[in-house]
Amino acid sequence: MAQEETFTIDKGSDVAIEIHLIDKLGAAKNLVNHQISAKMKKNYNSDSAETTNFNAIVSSPATQGIVTLGLNNTQTESLKPGKYVYDVEMSFLDSDSNTIIERILEGRIVVTPSVTR
C-alpha cells in the first residue's frame, strides 16, 4: 500500500519533492533498473489532456533510494489554483521479465494562487 502525503504548490514557482525510499528491512531501496513516474490531475476521472507529469529523477547512485519529483515554474503557472490528486509509481522487471508496477506515494496537492503572476 502506498504512503499518503499532501503537498502545497505555489502557482508559478519551481517545485522539487524529494522522496527517500526504503526496503522492508529499513535500508535504502536499490533503484537500479527501476523507473519512476508521477502524475497529477484535477480529479481521478480527468482525461489525459488535464494531466501534469512530474519530472522524476533517480539520484546517483541509484542504490541510495532517492527520487526527486519536479515541476518547473512554467508547468505550475499553467495550473489552476485548487485541489488535485497525484500518485507516484515505480516499475521494474522481475526475474521472469514481467513488468511489476507498485504505487509508492499518493495523495492531494493544493495549488495556491499568485499575485505576481
PDB file of N, CA and C in Angstrom:
ATOM      1  N   MET A   1       0.840  -1.177   0.000  1.00  0.00           N
ATOM      2  CA  MET A   1       0.000   0.000   0.000  1.00  0.00           C
ATOM      3  C   MET A   1       0.884   1.240   0.000  1.00  0.00           C
ATOM      4  N   ALA A   2       0.507   2.224  -0.771  1.00  0.00           N
ATOM      5  CA  ALA A   2       1.286   3.447  -0.908  1.00  0.00           C
ATOM      6  C   ALA A   2       1.130   4.338   0.318  1.00  0.00           C
ATOM      7  N   GLN A   3       2.157   5.093   0.604  1.00  0.00           N
ATOM      8  CA  GLN A   3       2.081   6.121   1.637  1.00  0.00           C
ATOM      9  C   GLN A   3       1.238   7.260   1.100  1.00  0.00           C
ATOM     10  N   GLU A   4       0.633   8.035   1.985  1.00  0.00           N
ATOM     11  CA  GLU A   4      -0.181   9.168   1.568  1.00  0.00           C
ATOM     12  C   GLU A   4       0.412  10.450   2.133  1.00  0.00           C
ATOM     13  N   GLU A   5       0.462  11.476   1.295  1.00  0.00           N
ATOM     14  CA  GLU A   5       1.038  12.773   1.687  1.00  0.00           C
ATOM     15  C   GLU A   5       0.320  13.886   0.939  1.00  0.00           C
ATOM     16  N   THR A   6       0.131  15.011   1.607  1.00  0.00           N
ATOM     17  CA  THR A   6      -0.456  16.199   0.988  1.00  0.00           C
ATOM     18  C   THR A   6       0.634  17.253   0.826  1.00  0.00           C
ATOM     19  N   PHE A   7       0.672  17.893  -0.346  1.00  0.00           N
ATOM     20  CA  PHE A   7       1.646  18.939  -0.637  1.00  0.00           C
ATOM     21  C   PHE A   7       0.925  20.209  -1.065  1.00  0.00           C
ATOM     22  N   THR A   8       1.589  21.336  -0.875  1.00  0.00           N
ATOM     23  CA  THR A   8       1.102  22.619  -1.365  1.00  0.00           C
ATOM     24  C   THR A   8       2.117  23.145  -2.375  1.00  0.00           C
ATOM     25  N   ILE A   9       1.618  23.575  -3.536  1.00  0.00           N
ATOM     26  CA  ILE A   9       2.457  24.132  -4.596  1.00  0.00           C
ATOM     27  C   ILE A   9       2.005  25.562  -4.850  1.00  0.00           C
ATOM     28  N   ASP A  10       2.953  26.482  -4.911  1.00  0.00           N
ATOM     29  CA  ASP A  10       2.645  27.866  -5.254  1.00  0.00           C
ATOM     30  C   ASP A  10       2.664  28.012  -6.771  1.00  0.00           C
ATOM     31  N   LYS A  11       1.570  28.479  -7.333  1.00  0.00           N
ATOM     32  CA  LYS A  11       1.454  28.696  -8.778  1.00  0.00           C
ATOM     33  C   LYS A  11       2.604  29.582  -9.258  1.00  0.00           C
ATOM     34  N   GLY A  12       3.262  29.185 -10.338  1.00  0.00           N
ATOM     35  CA  GLY A  12       4.339  29.972 -10.935  1.00  0.00           C
ATOM     36  C   GLY A  12       5.703  29.774 -10.314  1.00  0.00           C
ATOM     37  N   SER A  13       5.844  28.802  -9.406  1.00  0.00           N
ATOM     38  CA  SER A  13       7.149  28.576  -8.785  1.00  0.00           C
ATOM     39  C   SER A  13       7.704  27.209  -9.183  1.00  0.00           C
ATOM     40  N   ASP A  14       9.006  27.051  -9.014  1.00  0.00           N
ATOM     41  CA  ASP A  14       9.641  25.761  -9.247  1.00  0.00           C
ATOM     42  C   ASP A  14       9.392  24.868  -8.033  1.00  0.00           C
ATOM     43  N   VAL A  15       9.187  23.568  -8.278  1.00  0.00           N
ATOM     44  CA  VAL A  15       8.871  22.623  -7.216  1.00  0.00           C
ATOM     45  C   VAL A  15       9.814  21.432  -7.307  1.00  0.00           C
ATOM     46  N   ALA A  16      10.347  21.011  -6.156  1.00  0.00           N
ATOM     47  CA  ALA A  16      11.134  19.782  -6.071  1.00  0.00           C
ATOM     48  C   ALA A  16      10.698  19.046  -4.811  1.00  0.00           C
ATOM     49  N   ILE A  17      10.257  17.823  -4.994  1.00  0.00           N
ATOM     50  CA  ILE A  17       9.828  16.974  -3.877  1.00  0.00           C
ATOM     51  C   ILE A  17      10.776  15.785  -3.839  1.00  0.00           C
ATOM     52  N   GLU A  18      11.523  15.659  -2.749  1.00  0.00           N
ATOM     53  CA  GLU A  18      12.495  14.579  -2.627  1.00  0.00           C
ATOM     54  C   GLU A  18      11.881  13.438  -1.824  1.00  0.00           C
ATOM     55  N   ILE A  19      11.935  12.242  -2.386  1.00  0.00           N
ATOM     56  CA  ILE A  19      11.381  11.049  -1.757  1.00  0.00           C
ATOM     57  C   ILE A  19      12.530  10.095  -1.440  1.00  0.00           C
ATOM     58  N   HIS A  20      12.571   9.618  -0.205  1.00  0.00           N
ATOM     59  CA  HIS A  20      13.576   8.642   0.225  1.00  0.00           C
ATOM     60  C   HIS A  20      12.875   7.302   0.391  1.00  0.00           C
ATOM     61  N   LEU A  21      13.207   6.341  -0.464  1.00  0.00           N
ATOM     62  CA  LEU A  21      12.565   5.030  -0.438  1.00  0.00           C
ATOM     63  C   LEU A  21      13.409   4.038   0.355  1.00  0.00           C
ATOM     64  N   ILE A  22      12.721   3.203   1.133  1.00  0.00           N
ATOM     65  CA  ILE A  22      13.411   2.184   1.915  1.00  0.00           C
ATOM     66  C   ILE A  22      12.799   0.818   1.617  1.00  0.00           C
ATOM     67  N   ASP A  23      13.589  -0.229   1.837  1.00  0.00           N
ATOM     68  CA  ASP A  23      13.089  -1.585   1.631  1.00  0.00           C
ATOM     69  C   ASP A  23      12.465  -2.115   2.920  1.00  0.00           C
ATOM     70  N   LYS A  24      12.056  -3.372   2.924  1.00  0.00           N
ATOM     71  CA  LYS A  24      11.378  -3.976   4.073  1.00  0.00           C
ATOM     72  C   LYS A  24      12.240  -4.001   5.330  1.00  0.00           C
ATOM     73  N   LEU A  25      13.554  -3.983   5.153  1.00  0.00           N
ATOM     74  CA  LEU A  25      14.470  -4.028   6.289  1.00  0.00           C
ATOM     75  C   LEU A  25      14.844  -2.641   6.799  1.00  0.00           C
ATOM     76  N   GLY A  26      14.335  -1.604   6.131  1.00  0.00           N
ATOM     77  CA  GLY A  26      14.634  -0.233   6.553  1.00  0.00           C
ATOM     78  C   GLY A  26      15.872   0.364   5.910  1.00  0.00           C
ATOM     79  N   ALA A  27      16.484  -0.358   4.991  1.00  0.00           N
ATOM     80  CA  ALA A  27      17.665   0.149   4.285  1.00  0.00           C
ATOM     81  C   ALA A  27      17.217   0.908   3.038  1.00  0.00           C
ATOM     82  N   ALA A  28      18.099   1.736   2.502  1.00  0.00           N
ATOM     83  CA  ALA A  28      17.795   2.480   1.275  1.00  0.00           C
ATOM     84  C   ALA A  28      17.432   1.505   0.160  1.00  0.00           C
ATOM     85  N   LYS A  29      16.337   1.801  -0.546  1.00  0.00           N
ATOM     86  CA  LYS A  29      15.860   0.955  -1.653  1.00  0.00           C
ATOM     87  C   LYS A  29      16.800   1.095  -2.840  1.00  0.00           C
ATOM     88  N   ASN A  30      17.249  -0.017  -3.385  1.00  0.00           N
ATOM     89  CA  ASN A  30      18.104  -0.011  -4.572  1.00  0.00           C
ATOM     90  C   ASN A  30      17.215   0.224  -5.786  1.00  0.00           C
ATOM     91  N   LEU A  31      17.385   1.350  -6.465  1.00  0.00           N
ATOM     92  CA  LEU A  31      16.550   1.720  -7.601  1.00  0.00           C
ATOM     93  C   LEU A  31      17.211   1.460  -8.955  1.00  0.00           C
ATOM     94  N   VAL A  32      18.276   0.681  -8.959  1.00  0.00           N
ATOM     95  CA  VAL A  32      18.911   0.311 -10.222  1.00  0.00           C
ATOM     96  C   VAL A  32      17.884  -0.456 -11.057  1.00  0.00           C
ATOM     97  N   ASN A  33      17.736  -0.066 -12.311  1.00  0.00           N
ATOM     98  CA  ASN A  33      16.786  -0.666 -13.262  1.00  0.00           C
ATOM     99  C   ASN A  33      15.322  -0.460 -12.876  1.00  0.00           C
ATOM    100  N   HIS A  34      15.030   0.535 -12.079  1.00  0.00           N
ATOM    101  CA  HIS A  34      13.661   0.895 -11.725  1.00  0.00           C
ATOM    102  C   HIS A  34      13.300   2.206 -12.425  1.00  0.00           C
ATOM    103  N   GLN A  35      12.056   2.329 -12.831  1.00  0.00           N
ATOM    104  CA  GLN A  35      11.540   3.552 -13.443  1.00  0.00           C
ATOM    105  C   GLN A  35      10.528   4.171 -12.480  1.00  0.00           C
ATOM    106  N   ILE A  36      10.549   5.486 -12.383  1.00  0.00           N
ATOM    107  CA  ILE A  36       9.611   6.211 -11.521  1.00  0.00           C
ATOM    108  C   ILE A  36       8.782   7.140 -12.402  1.00  0.00           C
ATOM    109  N   SER A  37       7.480   7.142 -12.186  1.00  0.00           N
ATOM    110  CA  SER A  37       6.614   8.092 -12.889  1.00  0.00           C
ATOM    111  C   SER A  37       5.643   8.693 -11.884  1.00  0.00           C
ATOM    112  N   ALA A  38       5.300   9.955 -12.107  1.00  0.00           N
ATOM    113  CA  ALA A  38       4.386  10.650 -11.207  1.00  0.00           C
ATOM    114  C   ALA A  38       3.514  11.592 -12.019  1.00  0.00           C
ATOM    115  N   LYS A  39       2.223  11.597 -11.681  1.00  0.00           N
ATOM    116  CA  LYS A  39       1.256  12.431 -12.399  1.00  0.00           C
ATOM    117  C   LYS A  39       0.296  13.067 -11.409  1.00  0.00           C
ATOM    118  N   MET A  40      -0.232  14.224 -11.805  1.00  0.00           N
ATOM    119  CA  MET A  40      -1.295  14.848 -11.026  1.00  0.00           C
ATOM    120  C   MET A  40      -2.427  15.253 -11.950  1.00  0.00           C
ATOM    121  N   LYS A  41      -3.648  15.199 -11.411  1.00  0.00           N
ATOM    122  CA  LYS A  41      -4.856  15.551 -12.163  1.00  0.00           C
ATOM    123  C   LYS A  41      -5.787  16.315 -11.238  1.00  0.00           C
ATOM    124  N   LYS A  42      -6.729  17.014 -11.835  1.00  0.00           N
ATOM    125  CA  LYS A  42      -7.734  17.731 -11.056  1.00  0.00           C
ATOM    126  C   LYS A  42      -8.588  16.751 -10.251  1.00  0.00           C
ATOM    127  N   ASN A  43      -8.902  15.610 -10.852  1.00  0.00           N
ATOM    128  CA  ASN A  43      -9.606  14.545 -10.140  1.00  0.00           C
ATOM    129  C   ASN A  43      -9.274  13.222 -10.817  1.00  0.00           C
ATOM    130  N   TYR A  44      -9.658  12.128 -10.200  1.00  0.00           N
ATOM    131  CA  TYR A  44      -9.290  10.806 -10.710  1.00  0.00           C
ATOM    132  C   TYR A  44      -9.864  10.519 -12.086  1.00  0.00           C
ATOM    133  N   ASN A  45     -10.955  11.168 -12.456  1.00  0.00           N
ATOM    134  CA  ASN A  45     -11.604  10.923 -13.749  1.00  0.00           C
ATOM    135  C   ASN A  45     -11.173  11.886 -14.847  1.00  0.00           C
ATOM    136  N   SER A  46     -10.246  12.783 -14.568  1.00  0.00           N
ATOM    137  CA  SER A  46      -9.792  13.733 -15.582  1.00  0.00           C
ATOM    138  C   SER A  46      -9.160  12.995 -16.757  1.00  0.00           C
ATOM    139  N   ASP A  47      -9.302  13.567 -17.961  1.00  0.00           N
ATOM    140  CA  ASP A  47      -8.684  12.923 -19.126  1.00  0.00           C
ATOM    141  C   ASP A  47      -7.204  13.283 -19.208  1.00  0.00           C
ATOM    142  N   SER A  48      -6.519  12.687 -20.160  1.00  0.00           N
ATOM    143  CA  SER A  48      -5.073  12.876 -20.273  1.00  0.00           C
ATOM    144  C   SER A  48      -4.684  14.315 -20.589  1.00  0.00           C
ATOM    145  N   ALA A  49      -5.573  15.084 -21.210  1.00  0.00           N
ATOM    146  CA  ALA A  49      -5.269  16.483 -21.508  1.00  0.00           C
ATOM    147  C   ALA A  49      -5.171  17.317 -20.232  1.00  0.00           C
ATOM    148  N   GLU A  50      -5.763  16.834 -19.157  1.00  0.00           N
ATOM    149  CA  GLU A  50      -5.728  17.542 -17.877  1.00  0.00           C
ATOM    150  C   GLU A  50      -4.689  16.960 -16.918  1.00  0.00           C
ATOM    151  N   THR A  51      -3.762  16.181 -17.440  1.00  0.00           N
ATOM    152  CA  THR A  51      -2.748  15.519 -16.620  1.00  0.00           C
ATOM    153  C   THR A  51      -1.439  16.299 -16.677  1.00  0.00           C
ATOM    154  N   THR A  52      -0.818  16.479 -15.512  1.00  0.00           N
ATOM    155  CA  THR A  52       0.502  17.090 -15.431  1.00  0.00           C
ATOM    156  C   THR A  52       1.487  16.013 -15.002  1.00  0.00           C
ATOM    157  N   ASN A  53       2.532  15.800 -15.804  1.00  0.00           N
ATOM    158  CA  ASN A  53       3.559  14.815 -15.490  1.00  0.00           C
ATOM    159  C   ASN A  53       4.711  15.484 -14.751  1.00  0.00           C
ATOM    160  N   PHE A  54       5.111  14.894 -13.658  1.00  0.00           N
ATOM    161  CA  PHE A  54       6.296  15.360 -12.945  1.00  0.00           C
ATOM    162  C   PHE A  54       7.540  14.842 -13.648  1.00  0.00           C
ATOM    163  N   ASN A  55       8.624  15.582 -13.565  1.00  0.00           N
ATOM    164  CA  ASN A  55       9.929  15.070 -13.967  1.00  0.00           C
ATOM    165  C   ASN A  55      10.402  14.237 -12.782  1.00  0.00           C
ATOM    166  N   ALA A  56      10.727  12.976 -13.003  1.00  0.00           N
ATOM    167  CA  ALA A  56      11.174  12.086 -11.935  1.00  0.00           C
ATOM    168  C   ALA A  56      12.635  11.723 -12.178  1.00  0.00           C
ATOM    169  N   ILE A  57      13.482  12.095 -11.243  1.00  0.00           N
ATOM    170  CA  ILE A  57      14.914  11.861 -11.382  1.00  0.00           C
ATOM    171  C   ILE A  57      15.392  11.004 -10.221  1.00  0.00           C
ATOM    172  N   VAL A  58      15.992   9.854 -10.541  1.00  0.00           N
ATOM    173  CA  VAL A  58      16.594   8.999  -9.523  1.00  0.00           C
ATOM    174  C   VAL A  58      18.002   9.526  -9.279  1.00  0.00           C
ATOM    175  N   SER A  59      18.310   9.811  -7.999  1.00  0.00           N
ATOM    176  CA  SER A  59      19.626  10.332  -7.655  1.00  0.00           C
ATOM    177  C   SER A  59      20.703   9.288  -7.900  1.00  0.00           C
ATOM    178  N   SER A  60      21.902   9.766  -8.153  1.00  0.00           N
ATOM    179  CA  SER A  60      23.038   8.888  -8.380  1.00  0.00           C
ATOM    180  C   SER A  60      23.900   8.855  -7.115  1.00  0.00           C
ATOM    181  N   PRO A  61      24.265   7.678  -6.636  1.00  0.00           N
ATOM    182  CA  PRO A  61      23.957   6.371  -7.193  1.00  0.00           C
ATOM    183  C   PRO A  61      22.529   5.949  -6.850  1.00  0.00           C
ATOM    184  N   ALA A  62      21.952   5.144  -7.722  1.00  0.00           N
ATOM    185  CA  ALA A  62      20.569   4.698  -7.557  1.00  0.00           C
ATOM    186  C   ALA A  62      20.383   3.829  -6.320  1.00  0.00           C
ATOM    187  N   THR A  63      21.474   3.335  -5.770  1.00  0.00           N
ATOM    188  CA  THR A  63      21.396   2.494  -4.569  1.00  0.00           C
ATOM    189  C   THR A  63      21.022   3.296  -3.319  1.00  0.00           C
ATOM    190  N   GLN A  64      21.026   4.627  -3.409  1.00  0.00           N
ATOM    191  CA  GLN A  64      20.660   5.468  -2.257  1.00  0.00           C
ATOM    192  C   GLN A  64      19.143   5.553  -2.078  1.00  0.00           C
ATOM    193  N   GLY A  65      18.357   5.180  -3.092  1.00  0.00           N
ATOM    194  CA  GLY A  65      16.907   5.164  -2.975  1.00  0.00           C
ATOM    195  C   GLY A  65      16.243   6.522  -2.954  1.00  0.00           C
ATOM    196  N   ILE A  66      16.882   7.524  -3.561  1.00  0.00           N
ATOM    197  CA  ILE A  66      16.339   8.885  -3.536  1.00  0.00           C
ATOM    198  C   ILE A  66      15.814   9.267  -4.916  1.00  0.00           C
ATOM    199  N   VAL A  67      14.578   9.776  -4.940  1.00  0.00           N
ATOM    200  CA  VAL A  67      13.942  10.243  -6.167  1.00  0.00           C
ATOM    201  C   VAL A  67      13.505  11.681  -5.945  1.00  0.00           C
ATOM    202  N   THR A  68      13.746  12.534  -6.935  1.00  0.00           N
ATOM    203  CA  THR A  68      13.261  13.906  -6.877  1.00  0.00           C
ATOM    204  C   THR A  68      12.202  14.097  -7.956  1.00  0.00           C
ATOM    205  N   LEU A  69      11.024  14.546  -7.523  1.00  0.00           N
ATOM    206  CA  LEU A  69       9.935  14.868  -8.439  1.00  0.00           C
ATOM    207  C   LEU A  69       9.949  16.369  -8.643  1.00  0.00           C
ATOM    208  N   GLY A  70       9.877  16.818  -9.876  1.00  0.00           N
ATOM    209  CA  GLY A  70       9.975  18.239 -10.137  1.00  0.00           C
ATOM    210  C   GLY A  70       8.955  18.756 -11.130  1.00  0.00           C
ATOM    211  N   LEU A  71       8.585  20.003 -10.913  1.00  0.00           N
ATOM    212  CA  LEU A  71       7.798  20.786 -11.866  1.00  0.00           C
ATOM    213  C   LEU A  71       8.499  22.128 -11.981  1.00  0.00           C
ATOM    214  N   ASN A  72       8.634  22.648 -13.208  1.00  0.00           N
ATOM    215  CA  ASN A  72       9.244  23.967 -13.346  1.00  0.00           C
ATOM    216  C   ASN A  72       8.159  25.048 -13.258  1.00  0.00           C
ATOM    217  N   ASN A  73       8.588  26.292 -13.195  1.00  0.00           N
ATOM    218  CA  ASN A  73       7.632  27.392 -12.998  1.00  0.00           C
ATOM    219  C   ASN A  73       6.652  27.536 -14.156  1.00  0.00           C
ATOM    220  N   THR A  74       7.046  27.154 -15.356  1.00  0.00           N
ATOM    221  CA  THR A  74       6.115  27.207 -16.494  1.00  0.00           C
ATOM    222  C   THR A  74       4.992  26.184 -16.304  1.00  0.00           C
ATOM    223  N   GLN A  75       5.350  25.005 -15.815  1.00  0.00           N
ATOM    224  CA  GLN A  75       4.333  23.973 -15.569  1.00  0.00           C
ATOM    225  C   GLN A  75       3.362  24.404 -14.467  1.00  0.00           C
ATOM    226  N   THR A  76       3.887  24.943 -13.361  1.00  0.00           N
ATOM    227  CA  THR A  76       2.994  25.326 -12.258  1.00  0.00           C
ATOM    228  C   THR A  76       2.186  26.575 -12.600  1.00  0.00           C
ATOM    229  N   GLU A  77       2.715  27.429 -13.470  1.00  0.00           N
ATOM    230  CA  GLU A  77       1.973  28.619 -13.901  1.00  0.00           C
ATOM    231  C   GLU A  77       0.710  28.219 -14.668  1.00  0.00           C
ATOM    232  N   SER A  78       0.781  27.100 -15.377  1.00  0.00           N
ATOM    233  CA  SER A  78      -0.375  26.673 -16.181  1.00  0.00           C
ATOM    234  C   SER A  78      -1.465  25.990 -15.342  1.00  0.00           C
ATOM    235  N   LEU A  79      -1.175  25.704 -14.084  1.00  0.00           N
ATOM    236  CA  LEU A  79      -2.156  25.048 -13.216  1.00  0.00           C
ATOM    237  C   LEU A  79      -3.164  26.058 -12.663  1.00  0.00           C
ATOM    238  N   LYS A  80      -4.411  25.647 -12.598  1.00  0.00           N
ATOM    239  CA  LYS A  80      -5.434  26.473 -11.967  1.00  0.00           C
ATOM    240  C   LYS A  80      -5.367  26.254 -10.463  1.00  0.00           C
ATOM    241  N   PRO A  81      -5.483  27.323  -9.667  1.00  0.00           N
ATOM    242  CA  PRO A  81      -5.496  27.134  -8.215  1.00  0.00           C
ATOM    243  C   PRO A  81      -6.605  26.169  -7.805  1.00  0.00           C
ATOM    244  N   GLY A  82      -6.334  25.371  -6.796  1.00  0.00           N
ATOM    245  CA  GLY A  82      -7.328  24.425  -6.305  1.00  0.00           C
ATOM    246  C   GLY A  82      -6.699  23.125  -5.863  1.00  0.00           C
ATOM    247  N   LYS A  83      -7.542  22.118  -5.692  1.00  0.00           N
ATOM    248  CA  LYS A  83      -7.112  20.814  -5.200  1.00  0.00           C
ATOM    249  C   LYS A  83      -6.924  19.842  -6.360  1.00  0.00           C
ATOM    250  N   TYR A  84      -5.880  19.012  -6.247  1.00  0.00           N
ATOM    251  CA  TYR A  84      -5.540  18.000  -7.239  1.00  0.00           C
ATOM    252  C   TYR A  84      -5.265  16.679  -6.519  1.00  0.00           C
ATOM    253  N   VAL A  85      -5.237  15.594  -7.273  1.00  0.00           N
ATOM    254  CA  VAL A  85      -4.798  14.302  -6.773  1.00  0.00           C
ATOM    255  C   VAL A  85      -3.545  13.898  -7.555  1.00  0.00           C
ATOM    256  N   TYR A  86      -2.717  13.068  -6.942  1.00  0.00           N
ATOM    257  CA  TYR A  86      -1.490  12.625  -7.610  1.00  0.00           C
ATOM    258  C   TYR A  86      -1.152  11.216  -7.147  1.00  0.00           C
ATOM    259  N   ASP A  87      -0.309  10.562  -7.909  1.00  0.00           N
ATOM    260  CA  ASP A  87       0.333   9.347  -7.427  1.00  0.00           C
ATOM    261  C   ASP A  87       1.695   9.184  -8.082  1.00  0.00           C
ATOM    262  N   VAL A  88       2.516   8.381  -7.410  1.00  0.00           N
ATOM    263  CA  VAL A  88       3.874   8.089  -7.861  1.00  0.00           C
ATOM    264  C   VAL A  88       3.986   6.579  -7.956  1.00  0.00           C
ATOM    265  N   GLU A  89       4.438   6.096  -9.117  1.00  0.00           N
ATOM    266  CA  GLU A  89       4.578   4.659  -9.317  1.00  0.00           C
ATOM    267  C   GLU A  89       6.013   4.288  -9.673  1.00  0.00           C
ATOM    268  N   MET A  90       6.405   3.112  -9.215  1.00  0.00           N
ATOM    269  CA  MET A  90       7.717   2.559  -9.505  1.00  0.00           C
ATOM    270  C   MET A  90       7.496   1.283 -10.310  1.00  0.00           C
ATOM    271  N   SER A  91       8.253   1.101 -11.387  1.00  0.00           N
ATOM    272  CA  SER A  91       8.129  -0.120 -12.181  1.00  0.00           C
ATOM    273  C   SER A  91       9.510  -0.726 -12.423  1.00  0.00           C
ATOM    274  N   PHE A  92       9.502  -2.047 -12.567  1.00  0.00           N
ATOM    275  CA  PHE A  92      10.735  -2.785 -12.833  1.00  0.00           C
ATOM    276  C   PHE A  92      10.380  -4.151 -13.399  1.00  0.00           C
ATOM    277  N   LEU A  93      11.350  -4.820 -13.973  1.00  0.00           N
ATOM    278  CA  LEU A  93      11.152  -6.175 -14.492  1.00  0.00           C
ATOM    279  C   LEU A  93      11.587  -7.184 -13.435  1.00  0.00           C
ATOM    280  N   ASP A  94      10.742  -8.189 -13.180  1.00  0.00           N
ATOM    281  CA  ASP A  94      11.130  -9.223 -12.233  1.00  0.00           C
ATOM    282  C   ASP A  94      12.009 -10.266 -12.932  1.00  0.00           C
ATOM    283  N   SER A  95      12.363 -11.325 -12.228  1.00  0.00           N
ATOM    284  CA  SER A  95      13.278 -12.330 -12.781  1.00  0.00           C
ATOM    285  C   SER A  95      12.683 -13.088 -13.969  1.00  0.00           C
ATOM    286  N   ASP A  96      11.354 -13.040 -14.131  1.00  0.00           N
ATOM    287  CA  ASP A  96      10.700 -13.680 -15.279  1.00  0.00           C
ATOM    288  C   ASP A  96      10.379 -12.686 -16.393  1.00  0.00           C
ATOM    289  N   SER A  97      10.952 -11.493 -16.324  1.00  0.00           N
ATOM    290  CA  SER A  97      10.742 -10.413 -17.294  1.00  0.00           C
ATOM    291  C   SER A  97       9.315  -9.890 -17.326  1.00  0.00           C
ATOM    292  N   ASN A  98       8.604 -10.023 -16.213  1.00  0.00           N
ATOM    293  CA  ASN A  98       7.278  -9.421 -16.062  1.00  0.00           C
ATOM    294  C   ASN A  98       7.434  -8.015 -15.512  1.00  0.00           C
ATOM    295  N   THR A  99       6.670  -7.069 -16.038  1.00  0.00           N
ATOM    296  CA  THR A  99       6.719  -5.711 -15.511  1.00  0.00           C
ATOM    297  C   THR A  99       5.897  -5.649 -14.233  1.00  0.00           C
ATOM    298  N   ILE A 100       6.545  -5.218 -13.177  1.00  0.00           N
ATOM    299  CA  ILE A 100       5.906  -5.058 -11.874  1.00  0.00           C
ATOM    300  C   ILE A 100       5.731  -3.559 -11.625  1.00  0.00           C
ATOM    301  N   ILE A 101       4.514  -3.149 -11.306  1.00  0.00           N
ATOM    302  CA  ILE A 101       4.233  -1.740 -11.025  1.00  0.00           C
ATOM    303  C   ILE A 101       3.735  -1.632  -9.594  1.00  0.00           C
ATOM    304  N   GLU A 102       4.336  -0.729  -8.847  1.00  0.00           N
ATOM    305  CA  GLU A 102       3.980  -0.523  -7.446  1.00  0.00           C
ATOM    306  C   GLU A 102       3.729   0.963  -7.197  1.00  0.00           C
ATOM    307  N   ARG A 103       2.587   1.290  -6.632  1.00  0.00           N
ATOM    308  CA  ARG A 103       2.322   2.674  -6.246  1.00  0.00           C
ATOM    309  C   ARG A 103       3.045   2.922  -4.925  1.00  0.00           C
ATOM    310  N   ILE A 104       3.912   3.941  -4.894  1.00  0.00           N
ATOM    311  CA  ILE A 104       4.712   4.187  -3.697  1.00  0.00           C
ATOM    312  C   ILE A 104       4.277   5.417  -2.919  1.00  0.00           C
ATOM    313  N   LEU A 105       3.556   6.336  -3.571  1.00  0.00           N
ATOM    314  CA  LEU A 105       3.100   7.542  -2.888  1.00  0.00           C
ATOM    315  C   LEU A 105       1.859   8.051  -3.596  1.00  0.00           C
ATOM    316  N   GLU A 106       0.926   8.596  -2.814  1.00  0.00           N
ATOM    317  CA  GLU A 106      -0.294   9.151  -3.389  1.00  0.00           C
ATOM    318  C   GLU A 106      -0.829  10.210  -2.447  1.00  0.00           C
ATOM    319  N   GLY A 107      -1.762  10.997  -2.950  1.00  0.00           N
ATOM    320  CA  GLY A 107      -2.377  11.975  -2.075  1.00  0.00           C
ATOM    321  C   GLY A 107      -2.957  13.156  -2.828  1.00  0.00           C
ATOM    322  N   ARG A 108      -2.945  14.276  -2.156  1.00  0.00           N
ATOM    323  CA  ARG A 108      -3.526  15.505  -2.686  1.00  0.00           C
ATOM    324  C   ARG A 108      -2.462  16.593  -2.782  1.00  0.00           C
ATOM    325  N   ILE A 109      -2.670  17.457  -3.756  1.00  0.00           N
ATOM    326  CA  ILE A 109      -1.830  18.643  -3.925  1.00  0.00           C
ATOM    327  C   ILE A 109      -2.759  19.845  -3.976  1.00  0.00           C
ATOM    328  N   VAL A 110      -2.420  20.870  -3.226  1.00  0.00           N
ATOM    329  CA  VAL A 110      -3.172  22.124  -3.277  1.00  0.00           C
ATOM    330  C   VAL A 110      -2.307  23.141  -3.997  1.00  0.00           C
ATOM    331  N   VAL A 111      -2.837  23.720  -5.078  1.00  0.00           N
ATOM    332  CA  VAL A 111      -2.125  24.770  -5.814  1.00  0.00           C
ATOM    333  C   VAL A 111      -2.692  26.111  -5.351  1.00  0.00           C
ATOM    334  N   THR A 112      -1.794  26.944  -4.821  1.00  0.00           N
ATOM    335  CA  THR A 112      -2.223  28.256  -4.318  1.00  0.00           C
ATOM    336  C   THR A 112      -1.982  29.318  -5.387  1.00  0.00           C
ATOM    337  N   PRO A 113      -2.859  30.333  -5.459  1.00  0.00           N
ATOM    338  CA  PRO A 113      -2.715  31.377  -6.474  1.00  0.00           C
ATOM    339  C   PRO A 113      -1.547  32.307  -6.169  1.00  0.00           C
ATOM    340  N   SER A 114      -1.158  33.069  -7.165  1.00  0.00           N
ATOM    341  CA  SER A 114      -0.063  34.030  -7.027  1.00  0.00           C
ATOM    342  C   SER A 114      -0.554  35.420  -7.410  1.00  0.00           C
ATOM    343  N   VAL A 115      -0.129  36.420  -6.689  1.00  0.00           N
ATOM    344  CA  VAL A 115      -0.475  37.806  -7.012  1.00  0.00           C
ATOM    345  C   VAL A 115       0.406  38.338  -8.133  1.00  0.00           C
ATOM    346  N   THR A 116       1.650  37.903  -8.182  1.00  0.00           N
ATOM    347  CA  THR A 116       2.622  38.456  -9.142  1.00  0.00           C
ATOM    348  C   THR A 116       2.615  37.775 -10.484  1.00  0.00           C
ATOM    349  N   ARG A 117       1.867  36.733 -10.667  1.00  0.00           N
ATOM    350  CA  ARG A 117       1.874  36.027 -11.954  1.00  0.00           C
ATOM    351  C   ARG A 117       0.523  36.078 -12.592  1.00  0.00           C
TER     352      ARG A 117
END
